[in-house]
Amino acid sequence: MSHPKHASPDHDVHELIRHRWSPRSFDTTRAVPRDELVRLFEAARWAPSSANEQPWRFVVVPRDESSTAWRGVTSALTGSNPAWAASAPVLIVTAVRLRFESKDRDNPMAFYDAGQAVALLVMQATSQGLSVRQMAGFRHAEVRAACGIPDGFDPTVIIAVGYAGTPEGLADEKHRASELQPRRRKAISDFVYGNTWQENF
């Protein structure tokens, strides 16, 4: 039987795309082995980037080490994130270099390129049976301090990585319900145009 969060696409796509989703519930009994994490970063490594700058950096913060960094990152989470994120076995802080290394000017493609690296990381995780949820809700200055992120890099997204748990593992009723809601997306006709914005594809 298909998982309720597996996509039902209008057109054939790769199974990894169908199966990728963003849980809040993680199995607290299963750590993610280092070699499994390394494969995620190997996938990110091969993402395309402007001038091959590779402006992304990742800081890996495992829960089981109970480090100062872990406490700093989890305490910096905002919104609904604190209610669930600390159950993930690994948090990865994504930072983006805002200027070219090879040129003395801003890199306007930095965030776009980092997004491509994270997308490959997420698809690799899905292929390994891992689950990923990305968070923008955190106090940047606190995460910068906790992880020692230098000037010139912007802490942008925190990625929770682990093995998906069950909705019953979540304390928040809305979060539990959300884990079982079907995924929805706009139709292709809502965001793809032909030749001009005014024409259908």
N, C-alpha and C. Protein backbone atom coordinates (compact mmCIF):
# COMPACT_ATOMS: atom_id res chain seq x y z
N MET A 1 0.84 -1.19 0.00
CA MET A 1 0.00 0.00 0.00
C MET A 1 0.89 1.25 0.00
N SER A 2 0.52 2.23 -0.80
CA SER A 2 1.30 3.45 -0.92
C SER A 2 1.21 4.28 0.36
N HIS A 3 2.34 4.88 0.73
CA HIS A 3 2.36 5.78 1.88
C HIS A 3 1.50 7.01 1.56
N PRO A 4 0.75 7.54 2.54
CA PRO A 4 -0.13 8.69 2.25
C PRO A 4 0.63 9.92 1.75
N LYS A 5 1.92 10.00 2.02
CA LYS A 5 2.67 11.16 1.59
C LYS A 5 3.38 10.95 0.25
N HIS A 6 3.24 9.78 -0.34
CA HIS A 6 3.82 9.58 -1.66
C HIS A 6 2.99 10.35 -2.69
N ALA A 7 3.66 11.08 -3.56
CA ALA A 7 2.97 11.93 -4.52
C ALA A 7 2.20 11.10 -5.53
N SER A 8 1.11 11.67 -6.02
CA SER A 8 0.33 11.10 -7.11
C SER A 8 0.44 12.05 -8.30
N PRO A 9 1.51 11.95 -9.06
CA PRO A 9 1.76 12.94 -10.12
C PRO A 9 0.82 12.78 -11.30
N ASP A 10 0.63 13.87 -12.02
CA ASP A 10 -0.18 13.85 -13.24
C ASP A 10 0.57 13.21 -14.41
N HIS A 11 1.90 13.18 -14.33
CA HIS A 11 2.74 12.62 -15.39
C HIS A 11 3.81 11.76 -14.73
N ASP A 12 4.35 10.82 -15.47
CA ASP A 12 5.35 9.92 -14.91
C ASP A 12 6.60 10.69 -14.49
N VAL A 13 7.06 10.46 -13.27
CA VAL A 13 8.32 11.02 -12.78
C VAL A 13 9.08 9.90 -12.05
N HIS A 14 10.31 10.17 -11.73
CA HIS A 14 11.14 9.19 -11.04
C HIS A 14 10.53 8.85 -9.68
N GLU A 15 10.68 7.60 -9.29
CA GLU A 15 10.10 7.15 -8.01
C GLU A 15 10.66 7.92 -6.82
N LEU A 16 11.91 8.35 -6.90
CA LEU A 16 12.48 9.13 -5.80
C LEU A 16 11.71 10.42 -5.58
N ILE A 17 11.24 11.03 -6.67
CA ILE A 17 10.47 12.26 -6.55
C ILE A 17 9.12 11.97 -5.92
N ARG A 18 8.51 10.86 -6.29
CA ARG A 18 7.23 10.48 -5.69
C ARG A 18 7.38 10.23 -4.19
N HIS A 19 8.46 9.60 -3.79
CA HIS A 19 8.60 9.15 -2.41
C HIS A 19 9.16 10.21 -1.47
N ARG A 20 9.77 11.27 -2.03
CA ARG A 20 10.33 12.31 -1.17
C ARG A 20 9.23 13.11 -0.48
N TRP A 21 9.35 13.23 0.82
CA TRP A 21 8.46 14.12 1.56
C TRP A 21 9.17 14.56 2.82
N SER A 22 8.57 15.48 3.55
CA SER A 22 9.26 16.14 4.66
C SER A 22 8.56 15.84 5.98
N PRO A 23 8.92 14.76 6.65
CA PRO A 23 8.27 14.43 7.92
C PRO A 23 8.76 15.31 9.07
N ARG A 24 7.96 15.41 10.08
CA ARG A 24 8.40 16.00 11.34
C ARG A 24 8.75 14.92 12.36
N SER A 25 8.20 13.75 12.17
CA SER A 25 8.43 12.66 13.12
C SER A 25 9.63 11.82 12.68
N PHE A 26 10.59 11.66 13.58
CA PHE A 26 11.78 10.85 13.30
C PHE A 26 11.89 9.73 14.32
N ASP A 27 12.45 8.62 13.88
CA ASP A 27 12.68 7.47 14.75
C ASP A 27 13.83 7.82 15.69
N THR A 28 13.53 7.99 16.96
CA THR A 28 14.55 8.43 17.92
C THR A 28 15.50 7.29 18.32
N THR A 29 15.21 6.07 17.88
CA THR A 29 16.06 4.94 18.27
C THR A 29 17.14 4.63 17.23
N ARG A 30 17.09 5.29 16.08
CA ARG A 30 18.02 4.97 14.99
C ARG A 30 18.93 6.16 14.68
N ALA A 31 20.21 5.95 14.89
CA ALA A 31 21.19 6.96 14.49
C ALA A 31 21.47 6.81 13.00
N VAL A 32 22.01 7.85 12.39
CA VAL A 32 22.40 7.79 10.99
C VAL A 32 23.91 7.56 10.94
N PRO A 33 24.35 6.42 10.41
CA PRO A 33 25.80 6.15 10.37
C PRO A 33 26.55 7.20 9.56
N ARG A 34 27.78 7.43 9.94
CA ARG A 34 28.60 8.44 9.26
C ARG A 34 28.71 8.17 7.76
N ASP A 35 28.89 6.90 7.38
CA ASP A 35 29.06 6.61 5.95
C ASP A 35 27.79 6.93 5.16
N GLU A 36 26.63 6.85 5.80
CA GLU A 36 25.39 7.24 5.13
C GLU A 36 25.33 8.76 4.94
N LEU A 37 25.82 9.49 5.93
CA LEU A 37 25.84 10.94 5.81
C LEU A 37 26.84 11.40 4.74
N VAL A 38 27.97 10.75 4.70
CA VAL A 38 28.99 11.12 3.70
C VAL A 38 28.44 11.01 2.29
N ARG A 39 27.61 10.02 2.05
CA ARG A 39 27.02 9.87 0.71
C ARG A 39 26.13 11.06 0.36
N LEU A 40 25.47 11.64 1.33
CA LEU A 40 24.64 12.82 1.07
C LEU A 40 25.50 13.98 0.59
N PHE A 41 26.64 14.17 1.23
CA PHE A 41 27.50 15.29 0.86
C PHE A 41 28.24 15.02 -0.45
N GLU A 42 28.46 13.76 -0.75
CA GLU A 42 29.03 13.43 -2.06
C GLU A 42 28.05 13.80 -3.16
N ALA A 43 26.77 13.57 -2.93
CA ALA A 43 25.76 13.97 -3.91
C ALA A 43 25.73 15.49 -4.05
N ALA A 44 25.74 16.20 -2.94
CA ALA A 44 25.73 17.66 -2.98
C ALA A 44 26.96 18.20 -3.69
N ARG A 45 28.06 17.52 -3.53
CA ARG A 45 29.34 17.94 -4.12
C ARG A 45 29.27 18.08 -5.63
N TRP A 46 28.43 17.29 -6.27
CA TRP A 46 28.38 17.25 -7.72
C TRP A 46 27.28 18.13 -8.30
N ALA A 47 26.70 18.99 -7.48
CA ALA A 47 25.70 19.93 -8.00
C ALA A 47 26.37 20.97 -8.89
N PRO A 48 25.67 21.45 -9.91
CA PRO A 48 26.22 22.52 -10.74
C PRO A 48 26.23 23.84 -9.98
N SER A 49 27.17 24.71 -10.33
CA SER A 49 27.20 26.04 -9.72
C SER A 49 27.89 27.02 -10.65
N SER A 50 27.51 28.27 -10.53
CA SER A 50 28.08 29.33 -11.37
C SER A 50 29.59 29.41 -11.15
N ALA A 51 30.34 29.36 -12.25
CA ALA A 51 31.81 29.41 -12.22
C ALA A 51 32.40 28.30 -11.36
N ASN A 52 31.63 27.25 -11.13
CA ASN A 52 32.05 26.12 -10.30
C ASN A 52 32.49 26.58 -8.90
N GLU A 53 31.81 27.59 -8.38
CA GLU A 53 32.18 28.15 -7.08
C GLU A 53 31.83 27.24 -5.91
N GLN A 54 30.76 26.45 -6.06
CA GLN A 54 30.31 25.57 -4.98
C GLN A 54 30.20 26.36 -3.66
N PRO A 55 29.29 27.33 -3.60
CA PRO A 55 29.24 28.25 -2.46
C PRO A 55 28.59 27.70 -1.21
N TRP A 56 28.24 26.43 -1.20
CA TRP A 56 27.56 25.84 -0.05
C TRP A 56 28.58 25.27 0.95
N ARG A 57 28.21 25.33 2.22
CA ARG A 57 28.96 24.68 3.29
C ARG A 57 27.95 24.02 4.23
N PHE A 58 28.33 22.92 4.84
CA PHE A 58 27.44 22.20 5.74
C PHE A 58 28.13 21.95 7.08
N VAL A 59 27.43 22.22 8.16
CA VAL A 59 27.93 21.89 9.50
C VAL A 59 27.04 20.80 10.06
N VAL A 60 27.61 19.63 10.33
CA VAL A 60 26.86 18.45 10.79
C VAL A 60 26.83 18.46 12.32
N VAL A 61 25.61 18.43 12.87
CA VAL A 61 25.44 18.51 14.32
C VAL A 61 24.61 17.30 14.77
N PRO A 62 25.27 16.21 15.24
CA PRO A 62 24.54 15.01 15.66
C PRO A 62 23.94 15.17 17.06
N ARG A 63 22.74 14.63 17.24
CA ARG A 63 22.08 14.71 18.54
C ARG A 63 22.80 13.89 19.60
N ASP A 64 23.30 12.71 19.23
CA ASP A 64 23.85 11.80 20.25
C ASP A 64 25.14 12.31 20.88
N GLU A 65 25.75 13.35 20.30
CA GLU A 65 26.95 13.90 20.91
C GLU A 65 26.62 14.95 21.97
N SER A 66 25.35 15.42 21.99
CA SER A 66 24.90 16.41 22.97
C SER A 66 25.91 17.54 23.14
N SER A 67 26.40 18.04 22.02
CA SER A 67 27.46 19.04 22.03
C SER A 67 26.89 20.43 22.33
N THR A 68 27.81 21.36 22.56
CA THR A 68 27.42 22.76 22.70
C THR A 68 26.73 23.24 21.43
N ALA A 69 27.22 22.77 20.29
CA ALA A 69 26.61 23.16 19.02
C ALA A 69 25.17 22.66 18.94
N TRP A 70 24.92 21.42 19.35
CA TRP A 70 23.56 20.88 19.32
C TRP A 70 22.63 21.72 20.20
N ARG A 71 23.07 22.03 21.39
CA ARG A 71 22.24 22.82 22.29
C ARG A 71 22.01 24.22 21.72
N GLY A 72 23.03 24.79 21.11
CA GLY A 72 22.89 26.11 20.54
C GLY A 72 21.95 26.15 19.36
N VAL A 73 22.06 25.15 18.49
CA VAL A 73 21.21 25.11 17.30
C VAL A 73 19.76 24.84 17.68
N THR A 74 19.52 23.86 18.54
CA THR A 74 18.14 23.54 18.89
C THR A 74 17.48 24.67 19.68
N SER A 75 18.24 25.37 20.50
CA SER A 75 17.66 26.48 21.26
C SER A 75 17.38 27.68 20.37
N ALA A 76 17.99 27.74 19.18
CA ALA A 76 17.78 28.86 18.26
C ALA A 76 16.58 28.66 17.34
N LEU A 77 15.98 27.48 17.37
CA LEU A 77 14.84 27.21 16.49
C LEU A 77 13.64 28.03 16.90
N THR A 78 12.84 28.44 15.92
CA THR A 78 11.67 29.27 16.19
C THR A 78 10.42 28.65 15.58
N GLY A 79 9.28 29.30 15.81
CA GLY A 79 8.01 28.81 15.29
C GLY A 79 7.65 27.46 15.89
N SER A 80 7.17 26.55 15.06
CA SER A 80 6.80 25.22 15.54
C SER A 80 7.97 24.25 15.53
N ASN A 81 9.12 24.68 15.05
CA ASN A 81 10.25 23.76 14.93
C ASN A 81 10.74 23.15 16.25
N PRO A 82 10.77 23.91 17.35
CA PRO A 82 11.25 23.31 18.59
C PRO A 82 10.41 22.11 19.06
N ALA A 83 9.16 22.04 18.64
CA ALA A 83 8.27 20.96 19.09
C ALA A 83 8.67 19.60 18.55
N TRP A 84 9.43 19.57 17.46
CA TRP A 84 9.74 18.28 16.85
C TRP A 84 11.20 18.08 16.46
N ALA A 85 11.92 19.16 16.15
CA ALA A 85 13.22 19.02 15.49
C ALA A 85 14.27 18.34 16.35
N ALA A 86 14.19 18.49 17.66
CA ALA A 86 15.21 17.89 18.52
C ALA A 86 15.15 16.37 18.53
N SER A 87 14.08 15.78 17.96
CA SER A 87 14.01 14.31 17.88
C SER A 87 14.79 13.77 16.69
N ALA A 88 15.17 14.63 15.76
CA ALA A 88 15.95 14.17 14.61
C ALA A 88 17.36 13.80 15.06
N PRO A 89 17.92 12.71 14.55
CA PRO A 89 19.27 12.31 14.99
C PRO A 89 20.37 13.24 14.51
N VAL A 90 20.12 13.97 13.41
CA VAL A 90 21.16 14.86 12.87
C VAL A 90 20.50 16.15 12.39
N LEU A 91 21.12 17.27 12.73
CA LEU A 91 20.77 18.55 12.14
C LEU A 91 21.98 19.03 11.33
N ILE A 92 21.70 19.51 10.13
CA ILE A 92 22.76 20.01 9.27
C ILE A 92 22.48 21.48 9.00
N VAL A 93 23.42 22.32 9.38
CA VAL A 93 23.29 23.75 9.12
C VAL A 93 23.92 24.04 7.76
N THR A 94 23.11 24.60 6.87
CA THR A 94 23.58 24.97 5.54
C THR A 94 23.94 26.45 5.53
N ALA A 95 25.18 26.74 5.14
CA ALA A 95 25.63 28.13 5.03
C ALA A 95 26.05 28.39 3.59
N VAL A 96 25.86 29.64 3.17
CA VAL A 96 26.13 30.02 1.78
C VAL A 96 27.17 31.13 1.74
N ARG A 97 28.20 30.92 0.92
CA ARG A 97 29.20 31.97 0.70
C ARG A 97 28.62 33.01 -0.24
N LEU A 98 28.60 34.26 0.18
CA LEU A 98 27.88 35.30 -0.55
C LEU A 98 28.71 35.99 -1.63
N ARG A 99 30.03 35.83 -1.58
CA ARG A 99 30.90 36.44 -2.59
C ARG A 99 31.72 35.36 -3.27
N PHE A 100 32.07 35.62 -4.51
CA PHE A 100 32.93 34.69 -5.24
C PHE A 100 34.27 34.56 -4.55
N GLU A 101 34.81 33.34 -4.52
CA GLU A 101 36.18 33.15 -4.06
C GLU A 101 37.17 33.61 -5.13
N SER A 102 36.79 33.42 -6.39
CA SER A 102 37.71 33.69 -7.49
C SER A 102 37.62 35.12 -8.03
N LYS A 103 36.63 35.88 -7.57
CA LYS A 103 36.44 37.25 -8.05
C LYS A 103 36.05 38.12 -6.87
N ASP A 104 36.45 39.36 -6.92
CA ASP A 104 36.16 40.28 -5.81
C ASP A 104 34.81 40.96 -6.04
N ARG A 105 33.75 40.15 -5.97
CA ARG A 105 32.41 40.71 -6.12
C ARG A 105 31.39 39.73 -5.57
N ASP A 106 30.17 40.23 -5.35
CA ASP A 106 29.09 39.39 -4.85
C ASP A 106 28.75 38.30 -5.86
N ASN A 107 28.31 37.17 -5.34
CA ASN A 107 27.86 36.06 -6.19
C ASN A 107 26.33 36.05 -6.20
N PRO A 108 25.70 36.58 -7.24
CA PRO A 108 24.23 36.65 -7.25
C PRO A 108 23.56 35.29 -7.39
N MET A 109 24.34 34.26 -7.74
CA MET A 109 23.78 32.92 -7.93
C MET A 109 23.99 32.02 -6.71
N ALA A 110 24.56 32.55 -5.65
CA ALA A 110 24.97 31.71 -4.53
C ALA A 110 23.82 30.92 -3.93
N PHE A 111 22.70 31.58 -3.65
CA PHE A 111 21.58 30.88 -3.03
C PHE A 111 20.96 29.87 -3.99
N TYR A 112 20.86 30.24 -5.26
CA TYR A 112 20.34 29.32 -6.26
C TYR A 112 21.21 28.07 -6.32
N ASP A 113 22.52 28.27 -6.37
CA ASP A 113 23.43 27.13 -6.47
C ASP A 113 23.37 26.25 -5.22
N ALA A 114 23.31 26.88 -4.05
CA ALA A 114 23.21 26.10 -2.81
C ALA A 114 21.91 25.30 -2.79
N GLY A 115 20.84 25.88 -3.33
CA GLY A 115 19.58 25.14 -3.41
C GLY A 115 19.70 23.90 -4.26
N GLN A 116 20.48 23.98 -5.34
CA GLN A 116 20.67 22.79 -6.17
C GLN A 116 21.46 21.72 -5.42
N ALA A 117 22.46 22.14 -4.65
CA ALA A 117 23.23 21.18 -3.87
C ALA A 117 22.35 20.49 -2.84
N VAL A 118 21.51 21.26 -2.17
CA VAL A 118 20.61 20.67 -1.17
C VAL A 118 19.59 19.75 -1.83
N ALA A 119 19.11 20.12 -3.02
CA ALA A 119 18.15 19.25 -3.72
C ALA A 119 18.77 17.89 -4.02
N LEU A 120 20.02 17.88 -4.47
CA LEU A 120 20.68 16.60 -4.73
C LEU A 120 20.90 15.83 -3.43
N LEU A 121 21.25 16.55 -2.36
CA LEU A 121 21.40 15.90 -1.05
C LEU A 121 20.09 15.23 -0.64
N VAL A 122 18.99 15.93 -0.83
CA VAL A 122 17.68 15.40 -0.42
C VAL A 122 17.32 14.17 -1.25
N MET A 123 17.56 14.21 -2.54
CA MET A 123 17.22 13.05 -3.38
C MET A 123 18.11 11.86 -3.04
N GLN A 124 19.38 12.12 -2.74
CA GLN A 124 20.26 11.03 -2.32
C GLN A 124 19.77 10.43 -1.01
N ALA A 125 19.36 11.29 -0.08
CA ALA A 125 18.83 10.79 1.19
C ALA A 125 17.61 9.90 0.95
N THR A 126 16.73 10.34 0.08
CA THR A 126 15.53 9.55 -0.22
C THR A 126 15.92 8.18 -0.78
N SER A 127 16.93 8.14 -1.63
CA SER A 127 17.36 6.87 -2.22
C SER A 127 17.94 5.93 -1.17
N GLN A 128 18.41 6.49 -0.04
CA GLN A 128 19.00 5.69 1.03
C GLN A 128 17.99 5.34 2.12
N GLY A 129 16.73 5.72 1.93
CA GLY A 129 15.72 5.44 2.94
C GLY A 129 15.72 6.43 4.09
N LEU A 130 16.43 7.54 3.91
CA LEU A 130 16.45 8.59 4.93
C LEU A 130 15.38 9.63 4.63
N SER A 131 14.97 10.32 5.67
CA SER A 131 14.00 11.40 5.52
C SER A 131 14.66 12.72 5.88
N VAL A 132 14.19 13.79 5.25
CA VAL A 132 14.77 15.11 5.42
C VAL A 132 13.64 16.13 5.57
N ARG A 133 13.80 17.04 6.52
CA ARG A 133 12.92 18.21 6.58
C ARG A 133 13.78 19.44 6.74
N GLN A 134 13.49 20.47 5.95
CA GLN A 134 14.29 21.68 5.96
C GLN A 134 13.57 22.79 6.71
N MET A 135 14.34 23.61 7.44
CA MET A 135 13.77 24.65 8.28
C MET A 135 14.44 25.98 8.03
N ALA A 136 13.62 27.01 7.85
CA ALA A 136 14.13 28.38 7.77
C ALA A 136 13.90 29.14 9.07
N GLY A 137 13.11 28.55 9.98
CA GLY A 137 12.75 29.22 11.22
C GLY A 137 13.79 29.03 12.31
N PHE A 138 14.75 29.97 12.37
CA PHE A 138 15.76 29.94 13.44
C PHE A 138 16.41 31.32 13.53
N ARG A 139 17.00 31.58 14.69
CA ARG A 139 17.69 32.85 14.90
C ARG A 139 19.12 32.72 14.37
N HIS A 140 19.37 33.41 13.29
CA HIS A 140 20.62 33.22 12.54
C HIS A 140 21.86 33.55 13.37
N ALA A 141 21.82 34.62 14.12
CA ALA A 141 23.00 35.01 14.89
C ALA A 141 23.38 33.93 15.91
N GLU A 142 22.37 33.30 16.52
CA GLU A 142 22.64 32.26 17.51
C GLU A 142 23.23 31.02 16.86
N VAL A 143 22.71 30.66 15.69
CA VAL A 143 23.26 29.49 14.98
C VAL A 143 24.67 29.78 14.49
N ARG A 144 24.89 30.99 14.01
CA ARG A 144 26.24 31.38 13.59
C ARG A 144 27.23 31.21 14.74
N ALA A 145 26.84 31.68 15.92
CA ALA A 145 27.72 31.59 17.08
C ALA A 145 27.91 30.14 17.52
N ALA A 146 26.82 29.36 17.55
CA ALA A 146 26.90 27.98 18.03
C ALA A 146 27.80 27.13 17.15
N CYS A 147 27.78 27.38 15.84
CA CYS A 147 28.53 26.55 14.89
C CYS A 147 29.83 27.20 14.41
N GLY A 148 30.11 28.40 14.89
CA GLY A 148 31.35 29.06 14.50
C GLY A 148 31.41 29.42 13.03
N ILE A 149 30.28 29.82 12.46
CA ILE A 149 30.22 30.15 11.04
C ILE A 149 30.86 31.53 10.84
N PRO A 150 31.85 31.62 9.97
CA PRO A 150 32.58 32.89 9.82
C PRO A 150 31.81 33.93 9.02
N ASP A 151 32.25 35.17 9.13
CA ASP A 151 31.70 36.24 8.30
C ASP A 151 31.90 35.87 6.82
N GLY A 152 30.96 36.32 6.00
CA GLY A 152 31.03 36.00 4.58
C GLY A 152 30.19 34.81 4.20
N PHE A 153 29.70 34.07 5.20
CA PHE A 153 28.81 32.94 4.97
C PHE A 153 27.50 33.21 5.71
N ASP A 154 26.39 32.92 5.05
CA ASP A 154 25.07 33.15 5.62
C ASP A 154 24.43 31.83 6.02
N PRO A 155 24.20 31.58 7.34
CA PRO A 155 23.44 30.38 7.71
C PRO A 155 22.02 30.52 7.18
N THR A 156 21.63 29.60 6.33
CA THR A 156 20.42 29.81 5.52
C THR A 156 19.30 28.84 5.85
N VAL A 157 19.62 27.56 5.98
CA VAL A 157 18.62 26.51 6.22
C VAL A 157 19.21 25.48 7.17
N ILE A 158 18.39 24.96 8.07
CA ILE A 158 18.78 23.82 8.90
C ILE A 158 18.02 22.60 8.39
N ILE A 159 18.75 21.52 8.16
CA ILE A 159 18.18 20.31 7.59
C ILE A 159 18.16 19.22 8.66
N ALA A 160 16.98 18.73 8.98
CA ALA A 160 16.85 17.58 9.89
C ALA A 160 16.92 16.30 9.06
N VAL A 161 17.76 15.36 9.48
CA VAL A 161 17.96 14.11 8.75
C VAL A 161 17.82 12.94 9.70
N GLY A 162 17.11 11.91 9.25
CA GLY A 162 16.97 10.70 10.04
C GLY A 162 16.05 9.72 9.34
N TYR A 163 15.61 8.73 10.09
CA TYR A 163 14.65 7.76 9.57
C TYR A 163 13.26 8.17 10.07
N ALA A 164 12.30 8.17 9.17
CA ALA A 164 10.96 8.66 9.51
C ALA A 164 10.37 7.84 10.66
N GLY A 165 9.71 8.54 11.57
CA GLY A 165 9.00 7.89 12.66
C GLY A 165 7.52 7.77 12.34
N THR A 166 6.72 7.68 13.35
CA THR A 166 5.27 7.59 13.17
C THR A 166 4.63 8.87 13.68
N PRO A 167 3.45 9.22 13.15
CA PRO A 167 2.77 10.44 13.62
C PRO A 167 2.53 10.44 15.13
N GLU A 168 2.34 9.24 15.69
CA GLU A 168 2.07 9.16 17.13
C GLU A 168 3.24 9.68 17.96
N GLY A 169 4.41 9.76 17.36
CA GLY A 169 5.58 10.26 18.07
C GLY A 169 5.61 11.76 18.24
N LEU A 170 4.64 12.46 17.63
CA LEU A 170 4.60 13.92 17.70
C LEU A 170 3.65 14.39 18.79
N ALA A 171 4.07 15.37 19.55
CA ALA A 171 3.23 15.87 20.64
C ALA A 171 2.11 16.76 20.13
N ASP A 172 2.35 17.48 19.06
CA ASP A 172 1.39 18.44 18.54
C ASP A 172 0.36 17.76 17.66
N GLU A 173 -0.93 17.95 17.98
CA GLU A 173 -1.99 17.29 17.23
C GLU A 173 -2.02 17.72 15.76
N LYS A 174 -1.78 19.01 15.50
CA LYS A 174 -1.76 19.48 14.11
C LYS A 174 -0.62 18.84 13.33
N HIS A 175 0.51 18.66 13.98
CA HIS A 175 1.63 18.01 13.31
C HIS A 175 1.30 16.55 13.00
N ARG A 176 0.65 15.89 13.94
CA ARG A 176 0.28 14.48 13.70
C ARG A 176 -0.65 14.37 12.50
N ALA A 177 -1.64 15.26 12.42
CA ALA A 177 -2.57 15.23 11.30
C ALA A 177 -1.87 15.54 9.99
N SER A 178 -0.92 16.47 10.04
CA SER A 178 -0.20 16.87 8.83
C SER A 178 0.59 15.71 8.23
N GLU A 179 1.10 14.83 9.08
CA GLU A 179 1.89 13.70 8.59
C GLU A 179 1.07 12.76 7.70
N LEU A 180 -0.24 12.82 7.82
CA LEU A 180 -1.11 11.90 7.08
C LEU A 180 -1.88 12.59 5.96
N GLN A 181 -1.73 13.90 5.83
CA GLN A 181 -2.44 14.61 4.77
C GLN A 181 -1.77 14.37 3.42
N PRO A 182 -2.56 14.15 2.37
CA PRO A 182 -1.97 13.97 1.03
C PRO A 182 -1.21 15.23 0.62
N ARG A 183 -0.14 15.03 -0.14
CA ARG A 183 0.63 16.16 -0.66
C ARG A 183 -0.12 16.80 -1.82
N ARG A 184 0.00 18.12 -1.92
CA ARG A 184 -0.67 18.86 -2.98
C ARG A 184 0.33 19.79 -3.65
N ARG A 185 0.16 19.99 -4.94
CA ARG A 185 1.00 20.90 -5.69
C ARG A 185 0.15 21.62 -6.73
N LYS A 186 0.61 22.78 -7.17
CA LYS A 186 -0.05 23.48 -8.26
C LYS A 186 0.04 22.64 -9.53
N ALA A 187 -0.92 22.84 -10.42
CA ALA A 187 -0.87 22.19 -11.72
C ALA A 187 0.23 22.83 -12.56
N ILE A 188 0.79 22.05 -13.50
CA ILE A 188 1.84 22.58 -14.38
C ILE A 188 1.36 23.86 -15.08
N SER A 189 0.08 23.89 -15.46
CA SER A 189 -0.45 25.06 -16.17
C SER A 189 -0.43 26.33 -15.32
N ASP A 190 -0.26 26.19 -14.01
CA ASP A 190 -0.22 27.35 -13.13
C ASP A 190 1.16 28.01 -13.08
N PHE A 191 2.20 27.32 -13.59
CA PHE A 191 3.53 27.91 -13.48
C PHE A 191 4.42 27.72 -14.70
N VAL A 192 3.88 27.11 -15.77
CA VAL A 192 4.65 26.94 -17.00
C VAL A 192 3.91 27.63 -18.14
N TYR A 193 4.62 28.45 -18.90
CA TYR A 193 4.02 29.21 -19.99
C TYR A 193 4.76 28.91 -21.30
N GLY A 194 4.12 29.22 -22.40
CA GLY A 194 4.73 28.99 -23.72
C GLY A 194 5.06 30.29 -24.40
N ASN A 195 6.33 30.52 -24.65
CA ASN A 195 6.82 31.71 -25.35
C ASN A 195 6.66 33.01 -24.55
N THR A 196 5.46 33.30 -24.08
CA THR A 196 5.24 34.47 -23.24
C THR A 196 4.41 34.07 -22.04
N TRP A 197 4.41 34.92 -21.02
CA TRP A 197 3.68 34.68 -19.79
C TRP A 197 2.19 34.55 -20.05
N GLN A 198 1.72 35.14 -21.14
CA GLN A 198 0.29 35.17 -21.43
C GLN A 198 -0.19 33.94 -22.21
N GLU A 199 0.73 33.05 -22.60
CA GLU A 199 0.36 31.91 -23.43
C GLU A 199 0.50 30.61 -22.66
N ASN A 200 -0.39 29.67 -22.96
CA ASN A 200 -0.32 28.36 -22.33
C ASN A 200 0.80 27.54 -22.97
N PHE A 201 1.38 26.68 -22.17
CA PHE A 201 2.41 25.77 -22.65
C PHE A 201 1.75 24.54 -23.29
